[in-house]
Amino acid sequence: MPTKKQKQAVIRQLLIPIILIIAALLYQPVKGLFVSKEKPVETKADGGSLTVSYIDVGQGDATLIQKGNFSMLIDAGKNEKGQMVVSYLKKKGIKKLNILVGTHPDSDHVGGLDDVINNVQVDTVYLPEAKKQTKTYRDVESALKSVNKTAQMPEIGKEYRFEKNVVIRFLGPLKNYKEANNNSLVVQLAYGKNRFLFMGDTEEKAEEDMIKENYDLECDVLKVGHHGSYTATGDNFLTKADPAYAVISAGKDNSYGHPHAATLAKLEDDDVQIYRTDTMGTIEAVSDGNQIHMETEKGKTNE
């Protein structure tokens, strides 16, 4: 008859492979728990339309995403554009934003956030960890405090699902960069077979890091990084993203020269259709989950 020690040894031998299997299943990188970086995010279209509005706020960014009862705003332009963005939201019937994102602390992105927070109900606010000690940024923090909200840093790589078929992922920043623009929150949106990518002011260094991370960056519509600056939209990134349409948000005759000629030439060489707020006004991309219809305030469409 086996002794007590022999029985315990047998039990240990049986338990060890079981424990190893469980550990292998449970331990994986955080991103891997939520996404497949190599495979495109795809959802089932439900017959409804998703609308992405690239609001003309001059030299700045503001983008509204709507699908059914879901709404999300990415940036809100400069301080003086805040009330205009609020008016646009109301015109679109927005009474509540599920998500409000400030891609990074520059005033041309977060300047109008305080007006939005003070005038529209917001469920969740996402801001990057990088902050700026400016009056503009302090105004945003004060507005959040006044409505008892705390900004969160989104979990990079995690899927957030809304309306069953709308998937939001934050792809960056992957690290804390010295260059402030590279700390921008990068947002990927999927509905049906269609995908959108919103780059904030992300530049080539952060783009390359996302490529190294093996993210699938392919998209139908690319919100071009840093207002079309030559410091963004590198060759490798553009090859990976492979967009059909590019949207550039910039102010008419702005002092930065955005969008830069090099970026425009690069997009044109890749046969990407370019839409610009400085020449076309507010731009809308309407997706049924299979096809995208582009419209502009000044009449241009992709038909």
C-alpha atoms as a PDB file:
ATOM      1  CA  MET A   1       0.000   0.000   0.000  1.00  0.00           C
ATOM      2  CA  PRO A   2       1.413   3.467  -0.947  1.00  0.00           C
ATOM      3  CA  THR A   3       2.570   5.564   1.935  1.00  0.00           C
ATOM      4  CA  LYS A   4       1.096   9.000   2.658  1.00  0.00           C
ATOM      5  CA  LYS A   5       4.170  10.705   1.158  1.00  0.00           C
ATOM      6  CA  GLN A   6       3.901   8.589  -2.013  1.00  0.00           C
ATOM      7  CA  LYS A   7       0.223   9.562  -2.390  1.00  0.00           C
ATOM      8  CA  GLN A   8       1.094  13.238  -1.977  1.00  0.00           C
ATOM      9  CA  ALA A   9       3.838  12.929  -4.611  1.00  0.00           C
ATOM     10  CA  VAL A  10       1.386  11.396  -7.107  1.00  0.00           C
ATOM     11  CA  ILE A  11      -1.148  14.179  -6.451  1.00  0.00           C
ATOM     12  CA  ARG A  12       1.550  16.825  -6.987  1.00  0.00           C
ATOM     13  CA  GLN A  13       2.557  15.207 -10.295  1.00  0.00           C
ATOM     14  CA  LEU A  14      -1.057  15.301 -11.447  1.00  0.00           C
ATOM     15  CA  LEU A  15      -1.643  18.876 -10.314  1.00  0.00           C
ATOM     16  CA  ILE A  16       1.488  20.454 -11.810  1.00  0.00           C
ATOM     17  CA  PRO A  17       0.455  20.162 -15.510  1.00  0.00           C
ATOM     18  CA  ILE A  18      -3.069  21.339 -14.659  1.00  0.00           C
ATOM     19  CA  ILE A  19      -1.698  24.402 -12.863  1.00  0.00           C
ATOM     20  CA  LEU A  20       0.653  25.139 -15.775  1.00  0.00           C
ATOM     21  CA  ILE A  21      -2.209  24.957 -18.293  1.00  0.00           C
ATOM     22  CA  ILE A  22      -4.375  27.306 -16.210  1.00  0.00           C
ATOM     23  CA  ALA A  23      -1.469  29.737 -15.779  1.00  0.00           C
ATOM     24  CA  ALA A  24      -0.804  29.739 -19.524  1.00  0.00           C
ATOM     25  CA  LEU A  25      -4.430  30.557 -20.204  1.00  0.00           C
ATOM     26  CA  LEU A  26      -4.579  33.331 -17.639  1.00  0.00           C
ATOM     27  CA  TYR A  27      -1.204  34.957 -18.196  1.00  0.00           C
ATOM     28  CA  GLN A  28      -0.912  36.929 -21.386  1.00  0.00           C
ATOM     29  CA  PRO A  29      -0.219  40.600 -22.180  1.00  0.00           C
ATOM     30  CA  VAL A  30      -3.039  42.914 -21.207  1.00  0.00           C
ATOM     31  CA  LYS A  31      -3.692  43.868 -24.820  1.00  0.00           C
ATOM     32  CA  GLY A  32      -4.111  40.222 -25.763  1.00  0.00           C
ATOM     33  CA  LEU A  33      -6.986  39.817 -23.352  1.00  0.00           C
ATOM     34  CA  PHE A  34      -9.080  42.216 -25.360  1.00  0.00           C
ATOM     35  CA  VAL A  35      -7.913  42.334 -28.955  1.00  0.00           C
ATOM     36  CA  SER A  36      -6.200  40.497 -31.719  1.00  0.00           C
ATOM     37  CA  LYS A  37      -3.640  42.991 -32.907  1.00  0.00           C
ATOM     38  CA  GLU A  38      -3.013  41.179 -36.176  1.00  0.00           C
ATOM     39  CA  LYS A  39      -6.644  40.713 -37.242  1.00  0.00           C
ATOM     40  CA  PRO A  40      -8.956  43.540 -38.266  1.00  0.00           C
ATOM     41  CA  VAL A  41     -11.731  44.436 -35.873  1.00  0.00           C
ATOM     42  CA  GLU A  42     -14.990  43.583 -37.628  1.00  0.00           C
ATOM     43  CA  THR A  43     -18.547  43.687 -36.361  1.00  0.00           C
ATOM     44  CA  LYS A  44     -21.915  42.909 -37.901  1.00  0.00           C
ATOM     45  CA  ALA A  45     -23.734  45.841 -39.432  1.00  0.00           C
ATOM     46  CA  ASP A  46     -27.328  46.007 -38.196  1.00  0.00           C
ATOM     47  CA  GLY A  47     -28.904  48.041 -40.972  1.00  0.00           C
ATOM     48  CA  GLY A  48     -28.423  51.372 -39.219  1.00  0.00           C
ATOM     49  CA  SER A  49     -26.013  54.129 -40.170  1.00  0.00           C
ATOM     50  CA  LEU A  50     -22.967  55.365 -38.328  1.00  0.00           C
ATOM     51  CA  THR A  51     -22.046  58.996 -38.949  1.00  0.00           C
ATOM     52  CA  VAL A  52     -18.662  60.586 -38.338  1.00  0.00           C
ATOM     53  CA  SER A  53     -18.698  64.384 -38.514  1.00  0.00           C
ATOM     54  CA  TYR A  54     -15.354  66.151 -38.854  1.00  0.00           C
ATOM     55  CA  ILE A  55     -16.449  69.560 -37.603  1.00  0.00           C
ATOM     56  CA  ASP A  56     -14.856  72.621 -39.164  1.00  0.00           C
ATOM     57  CA  VAL A  57     -13.329  74.398 -36.165  1.00  0.00           C
ATOM     58  CA  GLY A  58     -10.579  76.150 -38.079  1.00  0.00           C
ATOM     59  CA  GLN A  59      -7.049  75.301 -36.948  1.00  0.00           C
ATOM     60  CA  GLY A  60      -7.982  72.532 -34.547  1.00  0.00           C
ATOM     61  CA  ASP A  61      -9.825  69.232 -34.216  1.00  0.00           C
ATOM     62  CA  ALA A  62     -13.369  68.227 -33.288  1.00  0.00           C
ATOM     63  CA  THR A  63     -15.011  64.997 -34.433  1.00  0.00           C
ATOM     64  CA  LEU A  64     -18.473  63.675 -33.567  1.00  0.00           C
ATOM     65  CA  ILE A  65     -19.375  59.976 -33.876  1.00  0.00           C
ATOM     66  CA  GLN A  66     -23.035  58.900 -33.798  1.00  0.00           C
ATOM     67  CA  LYS A  67     -24.785  55.543 -34.082  1.00  0.00           C
ATOM     68  CA  GLY A  68     -28.272  55.064 -32.679  1.00  0.00           C
ATOM     69  CA  ASN A  69     -28.182  56.170 -29.056  1.00  0.00           C
ATOM     70  CA  PHE A  70     -24.388  56.164 -28.975  1.00  0.00           C
ATOM     71  CA  SER A  71     -22.429  59.392 -29.355  1.00  0.00           C
ATOM     72  CA  MET A  72     -18.770  60.249 -28.894  1.00  0.00           C
ATOM     73  CA  LEU A  73     -16.840  63.485 -29.309  1.00  0.00           C
ATOM     74  CA  ILE A  74     -13.110  63.537 -29.988  1.00  0.00           C
ATOM     75  CA  ASP A  75     -11.660  66.983 -29.201  1.00  0.00           C
ATOM     76  CA  ALA A  76     -13.499  70.312 -29.322  1.00  0.00           C
ATOM     77  CA  GLY A  77     -11.256  72.847 -31.037  1.00  0.00           C
ATOM     78  CA  LYS A  78      -9.844  76.025 -29.501  1.00  0.00           C
ATOM     79  CA  ASN A  79     -11.359  77.966 -26.606  1.00  0.00           C
ATOM     80  CA  GLU A  80     -13.283  80.296 -28.904  1.00  0.00           C
ATOM     81  CA  LYS A  81     -14.804  77.336 -30.773  1.00  0.00           C
ATOM     82  CA  GLY A  82     -16.321  75.665 -27.705  1.00  0.00           C
ATOM     83  CA  GLN A  83     -19.769  77.223 -27.968  1.00  0.00           C
ATOM     84  CA  MET A  84     -19.849  76.517 -31.692  1.00  0.00           C
ATOM     85  CA  VAL A  85     -19.163  72.845 -30.997  1.00  0.00           C
ATOM     86  CA  VAL A  86     -21.917  72.822 -28.354  1.00  0.00           C
ATOM     87  CA  SER A  87     -24.331  74.348 -30.891  1.00  0.00           C
ATOM     88  CA  TYR A  88     -23.353  71.691 -33.432  1.00  0.00           C
ATOM     89  CA  LEU A  89     -24.020  68.923 -30.910  1.00  0.00           C
ATOM     90  CA  LYS A  90     -27.446  70.357 -30.142  1.00  0.00           C
ATOM     91  CA  LYS A  91     -28.215  70.668 -33.858  1.00  0.00           C
ATOM     92  CA  LYS A  92     -27.427  66.962 -34.150  1.00  0.00           C
ATOM     93  CA  GLY A  93     -29.804  66.176 -31.296  1.00  0.00           C
ATOM     94  CA  ILE A  94     -27.076  65.264 -28.820  1.00  0.00           C
ATOM     95  CA  LYS A  95     -28.292  65.466 -25.229  1.00  0.00           C
ATOM     96  CA  LYS A  96     -25.682  63.120 -23.825  1.00  0.00           C
ATOM     97  CA  LEU A  97     -22.218  62.012 -24.886  1.00  0.00           C
ATOM     98  CA  ASN A  98     -21.266  58.463 -23.981  1.00  0.00           C
ATOM     99  CA  ILE A  99     -17.596  59.322 -24.445  1.00  0.00           C
ATOM    100  CA  LEU A 100     -15.689  62.599 -24.554  1.00  0.00           C
ATOM    101  CA  VAL A 101     -12.037  62.411 -25.598  1.00  0.00           C
ATOM    102  CA  GLY A 102      -9.322  65.032 -25.446  1.00  0.00           C
ATOM    103  CA  THR A 103      -6.544  63.530 -27.539  1.00  0.00           C
ATOM    104  CA  HIS A 104      -3.843  65.703 -25.940  1.00  0.00           C
ATOM    105  CA  PRO A 105      -3.546  68.943 -23.965  1.00  0.00           C
ATOM    106  CA  ASP A 106      -2.903  71.406 -26.818  1.00  0.00           C
ATOM    107  CA  SER A 107      -5.440  74.227 -26.862  1.00  0.00           C
ATOM    108  CA  ASP A 108      -6.560  73.527 -30.436  1.00  0.00           C
ATOM    109  CA  HIS A 109      -7.799  70.127 -29.274  1.00  0.00           C
ATOM    110  CA  VAL A 110      -9.035  70.602 -25.691  1.00  0.00           C
ATOM    111  CA  GLY A 111      -9.803  74.332 -25.702  1.00  0.00           C
ATOM    112  CA  GLY A 112     -13.544  73.832 -26.152  1.00  0.00           C
ATOM    113  CA  LEU A 113     -13.894  70.811 -23.856  1.00  0.00           C
ATOM    114  CA  ASP A 114     -14.914  72.910 -20.852  1.00  0.00           C
ATOM    115  CA  ASP A 115     -17.858  74.371 -22.804  1.00  0.00           C
ATOM    116  CA  VAL A 116     -18.935  70.877 -23.815  1.00  0.00           C
ATOM    117  CA  ILE A 117     -18.651  69.548 -20.255  1.00  0.00           C
ATOM    118  CA  ASN A 118     -20.603  72.513 -18.886  1.00  0.00           C
ATOM    119  CA  ASN A 119     -23.434  72.218 -21.418  1.00  0.00           C
ATOM    120  CA  VAL A 120     -23.809  68.548 -22.350  1.00  0.00           C
ATOM    121  CA  GLN A 121     -24.171  65.507 -20.100  1.00  0.00           C
ATOM    122  CA  VAL A 122     -21.096  63.292 -20.407  1.00  0.00           C
ATOM    123  CA  ASP A 123     -20.753  59.711 -19.196  1.00  0.00           C
ATOM    124  CA  THR A 124     -17.010  59.082 -19.545  1.00  0.00           C
ATOM    125  CA  VAL A 125     -14.110  61.449 -20.191  1.00  0.00           C
ATOM    126  CA  TYR A 126     -10.781  60.181 -21.506  1.00  0.00           C
ATOM    127  CA  LEU A 127      -7.620  62.266 -21.400  1.00  0.00           C
ATOM    128  CA  PRO A 128      -3.992  61.149 -21.787  1.00  0.00           C
ATOM    129  CA  GLU A 129      -1.745  61.065 -18.747  1.00  0.00           C
ATOM    130  CA  ALA A 130       0.353  63.906 -20.178  1.00  0.00           C
ATOM    131  CA  LYS A 131      -0.927  67.265 -18.927  1.00  0.00           C
ATOM    132  CA  LYS A 132      -0.142  70.942 -19.485  1.00  0.00           C
ATOM    133  CA  GLN A 133      -0.027  73.660 -16.866  1.00  0.00           C
ATOM    134  CA  THR A 134      -2.000  76.128 -18.959  1.00  0.00           C
ATOM    135  CA  LYS A 135      -5.164  78.086 -18.256  1.00  0.00           C
ATOM    136  CA  THR A 136      -6.903  76.167 -21.035  1.00  0.00           C
ATOM    137  CA  TYR A 137      -6.143  72.822 -19.427  1.00  0.00           C
ATOM    138  CA  ARG A 138      -7.011  74.087 -15.946  1.00  0.00           C
ATOM    139  CA  ASP A 139     -10.379  75.239 -17.323  1.00  0.00           C
ATOM    140  CA  VAL A 140     -11.040  71.677 -18.466  1.00  0.00           C
ATOM    141  CA  GLU A 141     -10.098  70.318 -15.039  1.00  0.00           C
ATOM    142  CA  SER A 142     -12.347  72.896 -13.338  1.00  0.00           C
ATOM    143  CA  ALA A 143     -15.273  71.995 -15.595  1.00  0.00           C
ATOM    144  CA  LEU A 144     -14.830  68.317 -14.760  1.00  0.00           C
ATOM    145  CA  LYS A 145     -14.742  69.101 -11.051  1.00  0.00           C
ATOM    146  CA  SER A 146     -17.924  71.182 -11.322  1.00  0.00           C
ATOM    147  CA  VAL A 147     -19.856  68.167 -12.668  1.00  0.00           C
ATOM    148  CA  ASN A 148     -18.155  65.645 -10.364  1.00  0.00           C
ATOM    149  CA  LYS A 149     -16.329  63.906 -13.184  1.00  0.00           C
ATOM    150  CA  THR A 150     -12.802  62.548 -13.215  1.00  0.00           C
ATOM    151  CA  ALA A 151     -10.940  62.067 -16.472  1.00  0.00           C
ATOM    152  CA  GLN A 152      -9.596  58.581 -17.095  1.00  0.00           C
ATOM    153  CA  MET A 153      -6.694  57.266 -19.119  1.00  0.00           C
ATOM    154  CA  PRO A 154      -8.174  54.578 -21.386  1.00  0.00           C
ATOM    155  CA  GLU A 155      -6.708  51.104 -21.385  1.00  0.00           C
ATOM    156  CA  ILE A 156      -4.584  50.944 -24.505  1.00  0.00           C
ATOM    157  CA  GLY A 157      -5.611  48.070 -26.763  1.00  0.00           C
ATOM    158  CA  LYS A 158      -8.879  47.279 -25.009  1.00  0.00           C
ATOM    159  CA  GLU A 159     -12.145  47.021 -26.950  1.00  0.00           C
ATOM    160  CA  TYR A 160     -15.075  49.154 -25.869  1.00  0.00           C
ATOM    161  CA  ARG A 161     -18.367  48.038 -27.436  1.00  0.00           C
ATOM    162  CA  PHE A 162     -21.466  50.180 -27.885  1.00  0.00           C
ATOM    163  CA  GLU A 163     -24.787  49.605 -29.654  1.00  0.00           C
ATOM    164  CA  LYS A 164     -23.584  45.977 -29.941  1.00  0.00           C
ATOM    165  CA  ASN A 165     -21.870  46.655 -33.257  1.00  0.00           C
ATOM    166  CA  VAL A 166     -19.729  49.736 -32.623  1.00  0.00           C
ATOM    167  CA  VAL A 167     -16.204  48.988 -31.424  1.00  0.00           C
ATOM    168  CA  ILE A 168     -13.805  51.607 -30.090  1.00  0.00           C
ATOM    169  CA  ARG A 169     -10.135  50.871 -29.415  1.00  0.00           C
ATOM    170  CA  PHE A 170      -7.406  53.167 -28.174  1.00  0.00           C
ATOM    171  CA  LEU A 171      -4.152  52.235 -29.929  1.00  0.00           C
ATOM    172  CA  GLY A 172      -1.855  54.821 -28.416  1.00  0.00           C
ATOM    173  CA  PRO A 173       0.125  56.271 -26.867  1.00  0.00           C
ATOM    174  CA  LEU A 174       2.173  53.131 -26.242  1.00  0.00           C
ATOM    175  CA  LYS A 175       4.675  54.917 -23.987  1.00  0.00           C
ATOM    176  CA  ASN A 176       5.431  58.286 -22.446  1.00  0.00           C
ATOM    177  CA  TYR A 177       7.108  60.307 -25.186  1.00  0.00           C
ATOM    178  CA  LYS A 178       9.271  63.402 -24.856  1.00  0.00           C
ATOM    179  CA  GLU A 179       7.478  64.902 -27.855  1.00  0.00           C
ATOM    180  CA  ALA A 180       4.083  66.057 -26.599  1.00  0.00           C
ATOM    181  CA  ASN A 181       2.292  65.337 -29.874  1.00  0.00           C
ATOM    182  CA  ASN A 182       3.231  61.661 -29.705  1.00  0.00           C
ATOM    183  CA  ASN A 183       1.356  61.349 -26.405  1.00  0.00           C
ATOM    184  CA  SER A 184      -1.911  61.812 -28.292  1.00  0.00           C
ATOM    185  CA  LEU A 185      -4.677  59.285 -27.769  1.00  0.00           C
ATOM    186  CA  VAL A 186      -5.127  57.341 -31.017  1.00  0.00           C
ATOM    187  CA  VAL A 187      -8.652  56.042 -31.589  1.00  0.00           C
ATOM    188  CA  GLN A 188      -9.773  53.217 -33.862  1.00  0.00           C
ATOM    189  CA  LEU A 189     -13.474  52.872 -34.688  1.00  0.00           C
ATOM    190  CA  ALA A 190     -15.094  49.853 -36.340  1.00  0.00           C
ATOM    191  CA  TYR A 191     -18.626  49.336 -37.610  1.00  0.00           C
ATOM    192  CA  GLY A 192     -19.364  46.343 -39.810  1.00  0.00           C
ATOM    193  CA  LYS A 193     -16.583  46.089 -42.364  1.00  0.00           C
ATOM    194  CA  ASN A 194     -15.717  49.777 -42.134  1.00  0.00           C
ATOM    195  CA  ARG A 195     -12.952  51.225 -40.002  1.00  0.00           C
ATOM    196  CA  PHE A 196     -11.884  54.716 -39.056  1.00  0.00           C
ATOM    197  CA  LEU A 197      -8.637  55.903 -37.498  1.00  0.00           C
ATOM    198  CA  PHE A 198      -8.228  59.165 -35.561  1.00  0.00           C
ATOM    199  CA  MET A 199      -4.604  60.161 -35.014  1.00  0.00           C
ATOM    200  CA  GLY A 200      -4.760  63.349 -32.933  1.00  0.00           C
ATOM    201  CA  ASP A 201      -1.370  65.044 -33.370  1.00  0.00           C
ATOM    202  CA  THR A 202       0.545  61.749 -33.441  1.00  0.00           C
ATOM    203  CA  GLU A 203       3.781  61.934 -35.416  1.00  0.00           C
ATOM    204  CA  GLU A 204       6.089  59.417 -37.095  1.00  0.00           C
ATOM    205  CA  LYS A 205       7.879  58.116 -33.977  1.00  0.00           C
ATOM    206  CA  ALA A 206       4.622  56.976 -32.365  1.00  0.00           C
ATOM    207  CA  GLU A 207       3.341  55.693 -35.717  1.00  0.00           C
ATOM    208  CA  GLU A 208       6.407  53.461 -36.022  1.00  0.00           C
ATOM    209  CA  ASP A 209       5.890  52.143 -32.497  1.00  0.00           C
ATOM    210  CA  MET A 210       2.315  51.133 -33.353  1.00  0.00           C
ATOM    211  CA  ILE A 211       3.629  49.303 -36.409  1.00  0.00           C
ATOM    212  CA  LYS A 212       6.221  47.497 -34.254  1.00  0.00           C
ATOM    213  CA  GLU A 213       3.411  46.547 -31.877  1.00  0.00           C
ATOM    214  CA  ASN A 214       1.841  44.686 -34.830  1.00  0.00           C
ATOM    215  CA  TYR A 215      -1.397  46.618 -34.665  1.00  0.00           C
ATOM    216  CA  ASP A 216      -3.576  46.179 -37.692  1.00  0.00           C
ATOM    217  CA  LEU A 217      -3.887  49.833 -38.723  1.00  0.00           C
ATOM    218  CA  GLU A 218      -5.855  49.365 -41.927  1.00  0.00           C
ATOM    219  CA  CYS A 219      -8.724  51.810 -42.243  1.00  0.00           C
ATOM    220  CA  ASP A 220     -11.200  53.181 -44.749  1.00  0.00           C
ATOM    221  CA  VAL A 221     -11.027  56.742 -43.442  1.00  0.00           C
ATOM    222  CA  LEU A 222      -7.894  58.209 -41.891  1.00  0.00           C
ATOM    223  CA  LYS A 223      -8.131  61.345 -39.793  1.00  0.00           C
ATOM    224  CA  VAL A 224      -4.660  62.552 -40.712  1.00  0.00           C
ATOM    225  CA  GLY A 225      -2.318  63.251 -37.809  1.00  0.00           C
ATOM    226  CA  HIS A 226      -1.231  66.764 -36.816  1.00  0.00           C
ATOM    227  CA  HIS A 227      -3.419  68.612 -39.314  1.00  0.00           C
ATOM    228  CA  GLY A 228      -1.508  67.235 -42.289  1.00  0.00           C
ATOM    229  CA  SER A 229       1.951  68.224 -41.050  1.00  0.00           C
ATOM    230  CA  TYR A 230       4.977  66.639 -42.736  1.00  0.00           C
ATOM    231  CA  THR A 231       5.984  65.372 -39.262  1.00  0.00           C
ATOM    232  CA  ALA A 232       3.137  62.832 -39.367  1.00  0.00           C
ATOM    233  CA  THR A 233       1.774  60.209 -41.778  1.00  0.00           C
ATOM    234  CA  GLY A 234       5.071  58.484 -42.507  1.00  0.00           C
ATOM    235  CA  ASP A 235       5.481  56.226 -45.527  1.00  0.00           C
ATOM    236  CA  ASN A 236       5.406  52.998 -43.493  1.00  0.00           C
ATOM    237  CA  PHE A 237       2.345  54.106 -41.583  1.00  0.00           C
ATOM    238  CA  LEU A 238       0.463  55.113 -44.721  1.00  0.00           C
ATOM    239  CA  THR A 239       1.230  51.736 -46.275  1.00  0.00           C
ATOM    240  CA  LYS A 240      -0.128  49.965 -43.193  1.00  0.00           C
ATOM    241  CA  ALA A 241      -3.221  52.162 -42.885  1.00  0.00           C
ATOM    242  CA  ASP A 242      -3.978  52.034 -46.622  1.00  0.00           C
ATOM    243  CA  PRO A 243      -6.982  54.396 -46.419  1.00  0.00           C
ATOM    244  CA  ALA A 244      -9.421  55.119 -49.220  1.00  0.00           C
ATOM    245  CA  TYR A 245     -10.159  58.561 -47.752  1.00  0.00           C
ATOM    246  CA  ALA A 246      -8.094  61.020 -45.735  1.00  0.00           C
ATOM    247  CA  VAL A 247      -9.622  63.832 -43.694  1.00  0.00           C
ATOM    248  CA  ILE A 248      -7.474  66.814 -42.729  1.00  0.00           C
ATOM    249  CA  SER A 249      -8.706  69.330 -40.171  1.00  0.00           C
ATOM    250  CA  ALA A 250      -6.944  72.671 -40.548  1.00  0.00           C
ATOM    251  CA  GLY A 251      -7.678  76.382 -40.567  1.00  0.00           C
ATOM    252  CA  LYS A 252      -7.870  78.346 -43.791  1.00  0.00           C
ATOM    253  CA  ASP A 253      -4.572  80.135 -44.521  1.00  0.00           C
ATOM    254  CA  ASN A 254      -3.198  79.056 -41.117  1.00  0.00           C
ATOM    255  CA  SER A 255       0.259  80.238 -40.050  1.00  0.00           C
ATOM    256  CA  TYR A 256       1.651  76.673 -39.904  1.00  0.00           C
ATOM    257  CA  GLY A 257       1.090  76.001 -43.582  1.00  0.00           C
ATOM    258  CA  HIS A 258      -1.062  72.965 -42.755  1.00  0.00           C
ATOM    259  CA  PRO A 259      -1.612  70.743 -44.564  1.00  0.00           C
ATOM    260  CA  HIS A 260       1.943  70.560 -45.860  1.00  0.00           C
ATOM    261  CA  ALA A 261       2.551  69.932 -49.545  1.00  0.00           C
ATOM    262  CA  ALA A 262       4.643  66.823 -48.812  1.00  0.00           C
ATOM    263  CA  THR A 263       1.742  65.171 -46.991  1.00  0.00           C
ATOM    264  CA  LEU A 264      -0.743  66.026 -49.727  1.00  0.00           C
ATOM    265  CA  ALA A 265       1.611  64.676 -52.390  1.00  0.00           C
ATOM    266  CA  LYS A 266       2.113  61.461 -50.440  1.00  0.00           C
ATOM    267  CA  LEU A 267      -1.639  60.893 -50.138  1.00  0.00           C
ATOM    268  CA  GLU A 268      -2.230  61.724 -53.797  1.00  0.00           C
ATOM    269  CA  ASP A 269       0.517  59.319 -54.880  1.00  0.00           C
ATOM    270  CA  ASP A 270      -1.317  56.577 -52.973  1.00  0.00           C
ATOM    271  CA  ASP A 271      -4.623  57.476 -54.696  1.00  0.00           C
ATOM    272  CA  VAL A 272      -6.206  58.512 -51.393  1.00  0.00           C
ATOM    273  CA  GLN A 273      -9.178  60.851 -51.754  1.00  0.00           C
ATOM    274  CA  ILE A 274      -8.456  63.951 -49.657  1.00  0.00           C
ATOM    275  CA  TYR A 275     -11.090  65.891 -47.724  1.00  0.00           C
ATOM    276  CA  ARG A 276     -10.103  69.152 -46.011  1.00  0.00           C
ATOM    277  CA  THR A 277     -12.090  71.256 -43.581  1.00  0.00           C
ATOM    278  CA  ASP A 278     -10.214  74.415 -44.593  1.00  0.00           C
ATOM    279  CA  THR A 279     -11.551  74.204 -48.152  1.00  0.00           C
ATOM    280  CA  MET A 280     -14.675  72.053 -47.761  1.00  0.00           C
ATOM    281  CA  GLY A 281     -16.058  72.957 -44.337  1.00  0.00           C
ATOM    282  CA  THR A 282     -17.511  70.262 -42.084  1.00  0.00           C
ATOM    283  CA  ILE A 283     -17.123  66.761 -43.530  1.00  0.00           C
ATOM    284  CA  GLU A 284     -19.406  63.792 -42.854  1.00  0.00           C
ATOM    285  CA  ALA A 285     -18.637  60.120 -43.433  1.00  0.00           C
ATOM    286  CA  VAL A 286     -21.769  57.952 -43.298  1.00  0.00           C
ATOM    287  CA  SER A 287     -21.269  54.180 -43.019  1.00  0.00           C
ATOM    288  CA  ASP A 288     -23.833  51.400 -43.384  1.00  0.00           C
ATOM    289  CA  GLY A 289     -21.199  48.928 -42.260  1.00  0.00           C
ATOM    290  CA  ASN A 290     -20.216  48.047 -45.816  1.00  0.00           C
ATOM    291  CA  GLN A 291     -19.850  51.281 -47.743  1.00  0.00           C
ATOM    292  CA  ILE A 292     -18.994  54.845 -46.794  1.00  0.00           C
ATOM    293  CA  HIS A 293     -20.616  57.925 -48.261  1.00  0.00           C
ATOM    294  CA  MET A 294     -18.614  61.135 -47.927  1.00  0.00           C
ATOM    295  CA  GLU A 295     -20.309  64.533 -47.897  1.00  0.00           C
ATOM    296  CA  THR A 296     -19.027  68.038 -47.279  1.00  0.00           C
ATOM    297  CA  GLU A 297     -20.556  71.303 -46.222  1.00  0.00           C
ATOM    298  CA  LYS A 298     -19.552  72.790 -49.565  1.00  0.00           C
ATOM    299  CA  GLY A 299     -20.963  70.070 -51.742  1.00  0.00           C
ATOM    300  CA  LYS A 300     -18.237  67.553 -52.591  1.00  0.00           C
ATOM    301  CA  THR A 301     -19.157  63.850 -52.345  1.00  0.00           C
ATOM    302  CA  ASN A 302     -17.372  60.604 -53.201  1.00  0.00           C
ATOM    303  CA  GLU A 303     -20.021  59.558 -55.718  1.00  0.00           C
END
